[in-house]
Amino acid sequence: MKRLFNSLPVALAAALLTMTVAEAHHSFAMFDRDTQMVKTGTVQRWAFNNPHSWLYLNIKNEDGTETLWSFEGSAPTGLIQRGITGDTFKPGTTVTFMYCPLKDGRPGGAIGWAKLEDGKYLNPADGGCNGGEENQKKWEEWLAKGYHSSKDAEAAGAQ
């Protein structure tokens, strides 16, 4: 019995450390969740992996060159429930997508929604950015008005 009580603090410490690591893994602190942006790019690679999927897109710069951008999405189990598979984003296809950028300015972020060439919207978001239907509808209106940043749309008074 004495041995059980002596090992209890160790077990409790291990449980707390495990919870901290699990919670840290799901932090979205690296993304600017107050900013949403829309870009169009060509799929380079769709990494349908655990614990997060990654969508790699070549995006044209103003000077005509391209930069490879990377966007974090949900895990395959969550994506499959939304009808998204390992074959959804095929290399060479064009995708328009909304994302929350990385705070450090690197080319990438948390993906929100994606619009395929056939006009179909998908929600590969992991929670770092809002990919839901209501947000998709809002962006339909904003894109029709020429906005590609939530900050620009909000500054103009768009709802």
Protein backbone atom coordinates (compact mmCIF):
# COMPACT_ATOMS: atom_id res chain seq x y z
CA MET A 1 0.00 0.00 0.00
CA LYS A 2 2.86 2.34 0.90
CA ARG A 3 4.42 1.64 -2.50
CA LEU A 4 1.16 2.60 -4.25
CA PHE A 5 1.01 5.97 -2.46
CA ASN A 6 4.68 6.63 -3.25
CA SER A 7 4.11 6.06 -6.98
CA LEU A 8 0.91 8.14 -7.11
CA PRO A 9 2.70 11.53 -7.40
CA VAL A 10 4.82 10.17 -10.26
CA ALA A 11 1.73 8.89 -12.09
CA LEU A 12 -0.05 12.21 -11.55
CA ALA A 13 2.95 14.18 -12.86
CA ALA A 14 3.15 11.94 -15.92
CA ALA A 15 -0.57 12.44 -16.61
CA LEU A 16 -0.26 16.22 -16.31
CA LEU A 17 2.74 16.31 -18.64
CA THR A 18 0.91 14.18 -21.20
CA MET A 19 -2.11 16.50 -21.08
CA THR A 20 0.16 19.53 -21.58
CA VAL A 21 1.82 17.97 -24.63
CA ALA A 22 -1.53 16.98 -26.13
CA GLU A 23 -2.91 20.48 -25.55
CA ALA A 24 0.21 22.12 -27.02
CA HIS A 25 -0.10 20.03 -30.17
CA HIS A 26 -3.52 21.56 -30.86
CA SER A 27 -2.45 25.17 -30.43
CA PHE A 28 -3.23 27.52 -33.30
CA ALA A 29 -0.98 30.25 -31.88
CA MET A 30 1.21 30.34 -35.00
CA PHE A 31 -1.75 31.42 -37.17
CA ASP A 32 -3.27 34.90 -37.35
CA ARG A 33 -6.86 33.79 -36.75
CA ASP A 34 -8.07 37.42 -36.95
CA THR A 35 -7.07 37.60 -40.62
CA GLN A 36 -8.51 35.54 -43.44
CA MET A 37 -7.14 35.74 -46.96
CA VAL A 38 -8.02 34.15 -50.30
CA LYS A 39 -5.56 33.00 -52.95
CA THR A 40 -5.61 30.74 -55.98
CA GLY A 41 -2.86 28.24 -56.70
CA THR A 42 -1.92 25.04 -58.44
CA VAL A 43 -1.77 21.89 -56.35
CA GLN A 44 1.79 20.61 -56.05
CA ARG A 45 1.08 17.97 -53.40
CA TRP A 46 -1.68 16.84 -51.06
CA ALA A 47 -0.22 15.13 -47.99
CA PHE A 48 -3.14 13.20 -46.49
CA ASN A 49 -1.31 12.38 -43.23
CA ASN A 50 -1.79 12.16 -39.49
CA PRO A 51 -1.79 14.16 -37.33
CA HIS A 52 -2.50 16.90 -39.92
CA SER A 53 -2.93 16.98 -43.66
CA TRP A 54 -0.92 19.49 -45.70
CA LEU A 55 -1.85 21.12 -48.98
CA TYR A 56 1.12 22.44 -50.98
CA LEU A 57 0.29 24.94 -53.72
CA ASN A 58 2.34 26.94 -56.19
CA ILE A 59 1.09 30.51 -56.11
CA LYS A 60 2.06 33.14 -58.68
CA ASN A 61 3.80 36.25 -57.44
CA GLU A 62 3.23 39.68 -58.98
CA ASP A 63 6.46 39.33 -61.01
CA GLY A 64 5.24 36.06 -62.58
CA THR A 65 7.45 33.73 -60.53
CA GLU A 66 5.89 31.10 -58.29
CA THR A 67 6.30 30.37 -54.59
CA LEU A 68 5.42 27.08 -52.92
CA TRP A 69 2.97 27.69 -50.07
CA SER A 70 1.90 25.13 -47.43
CA PHE A 71 -1.40 24.94 -45.59
CA GLU A 72 -2.27 22.82 -42.57
CA GLY A 73 -5.59 20.99 -42.58
CA SER A 74 -7.42 18.45 -40.48
CA ALA A 75 -6.44 14.83 -39.90
CA PRO A 76 -7.63 12.20 -42.41
CA THR A 77 -10.30 10.83 -40.07
CA GLY A 78 -12.02 14.22 -39.87
CA LEU A 79 -11.56 14.88 -43.58
CA ILE A 80 -13.07 11.56 -44.65
CA GLN A 81 -16.19 12.41 -42.65
CA ARG A 82 -16.48 15.56 -44.78
CA GLY A 83 -16.02 13.68 -48.07
CA ILE A 84 -12.36 14.67 -48.51
CA THR A 85 -9.93 11.87 -49.41
CA GLY A 86 -6.34 11.42 -50.43
CA ASP A 87 -7.42 11.95 -54.06
CA THR A 88 -9.39 15.17 -53.55
CA PHE A 89 -6.60 17.64 -54.40
CA LYS A 90 -4.87 16.30 -57.52
CA PRO A 91 -1.48 17.71 -58.55
CA GLY A 92 -1.81 20.22 -61.37
CA THR A 93 -5.37 21.28 -60.53
CA THR A 94 -6.26 24.85 -59.62
CA VAL A 95 -7.74 25.57 -56.20
CA THR A 96 -9.05 28.81 -54.72
CA PHE A 97 -8.87 28.73 -50.95
CA MET A 98 -9.24 30.80 -47.82
CA TYR A 99 -6.64 30.63 -45.08
CA CYS A 100 -5.43 32.28 -41.89
CA PRO A 101 -1.79 33.27 -42.47
CA LEU A 102 1.23 32.33 -40.42
CA LYS A 103 2.09 35.13 -37.98
CA ASP A 104 5.77 35.05 -38.94
CA GLY A 105 5.04 35.92 -42.59
CA ARG A 106 6.20 32.66 -44.18
CA PRO A 107 4.14 31.52 -47.19
CA GLY A 108 1.45 29.37 -45.62
CA GLY A 109 -1.12 29.09 -42.91
CA ALA A 110 -4.16 27.22 -41.67
CA ILE A 111 -6.54 26.37 -44.48
CA GLY A 112 -10.18 27.28 -44.03
CA TRP A 113 -12.23 26.37 -47.10
CA ALA A 114 -11.17 25.30 -50.57
CA LYS A 115 -13.03 25.77 -53.85
CA LEU A 116 -12.29 23.24 -56.58
CA GLU A 117 -12.23 23.98 -60.32
CA ASP A 118 -15.81 22.65 -60.63
CA GLY A 119 -17.01 25.26 -58.09
CA LYS A 120 -17.49 22.79 -55.24
CA TYR A 121 -16.55 24.05 -51.76
CA LEU A 122 -14.79 21.82 -49.24
CA ASN A 123 -13.93 22.34 -45.59
CA PRO A 124 -10.51 20.81 -44.82
CA ALA A 125 -10.03 23.12 -41.81
CA ASP A 126 -8.60 21.82 -38.55
CA GLY A 127 -9.96 24.63 -36.38
CA GLY A 128 -7.13 27.09 -36.99
CA CYS A 129 -9.32 28.87 -39.54
CA ASN A 130 -13.09 28.86 -40.23
CA GLY A 131 -13.94 26.72 -43.26
CA GLY A 132 -17.67 26.39 -42.56
CA GLU A 133 -20.59 27.02 -44.92
CA GLU A 134 -21.53 30.37 -43.37
CA ASN A 135 -17.98 31.62 -43.91
CA GLN A 136 -17.99 30.29 -47.48
CA LYS A 137 -21.15 32.29 -48.24
CA LYS A 138 -19.70 35.43 -46.71
CA TRP A 139 -16.60 35.05 -48.87
CA GLU A 140 -18.70 34.51 -52.02
CA GLU A 141 -20.06 38.03 -51.47
CA TRP A 142 -16.69 39.51 -50.59
CA LEU A 143 -14.97 37.96 -53.61
CA ALA A 144 -17.73 39.31 -55.88
CA LYS A 145 -16.86 42.76 -54.50
CA GLY A 146 -13.14 42.20 -55.17
CA TYR A 147 -11.94 41.58 -51.60
CA HIS A 148 -9.19 39.01 -50.94
CA SER A 149 -8.56 39.88 -47.30
CA SER A 150 -11.01 39.98 -44.40
CA LYS A 151 -9.21 43.08 -43.12
CA ASP A 152 -9.91 44.93 -46.41
CA ALA A 153 -13.56 43.79 -46.46
CA GLU A 154 -14.12 44.83 -42.85
CA ALA A 155 -12.36 48.19 -43.35
CA ALA A 156 -14.77 48.85 -46.25
CA GLY A 157 -17.73 48.03 -44.00
CA ALA A 158 -18.61 44.76 -45.73
CA GLN A 159 -20.55 42.36 -43.55
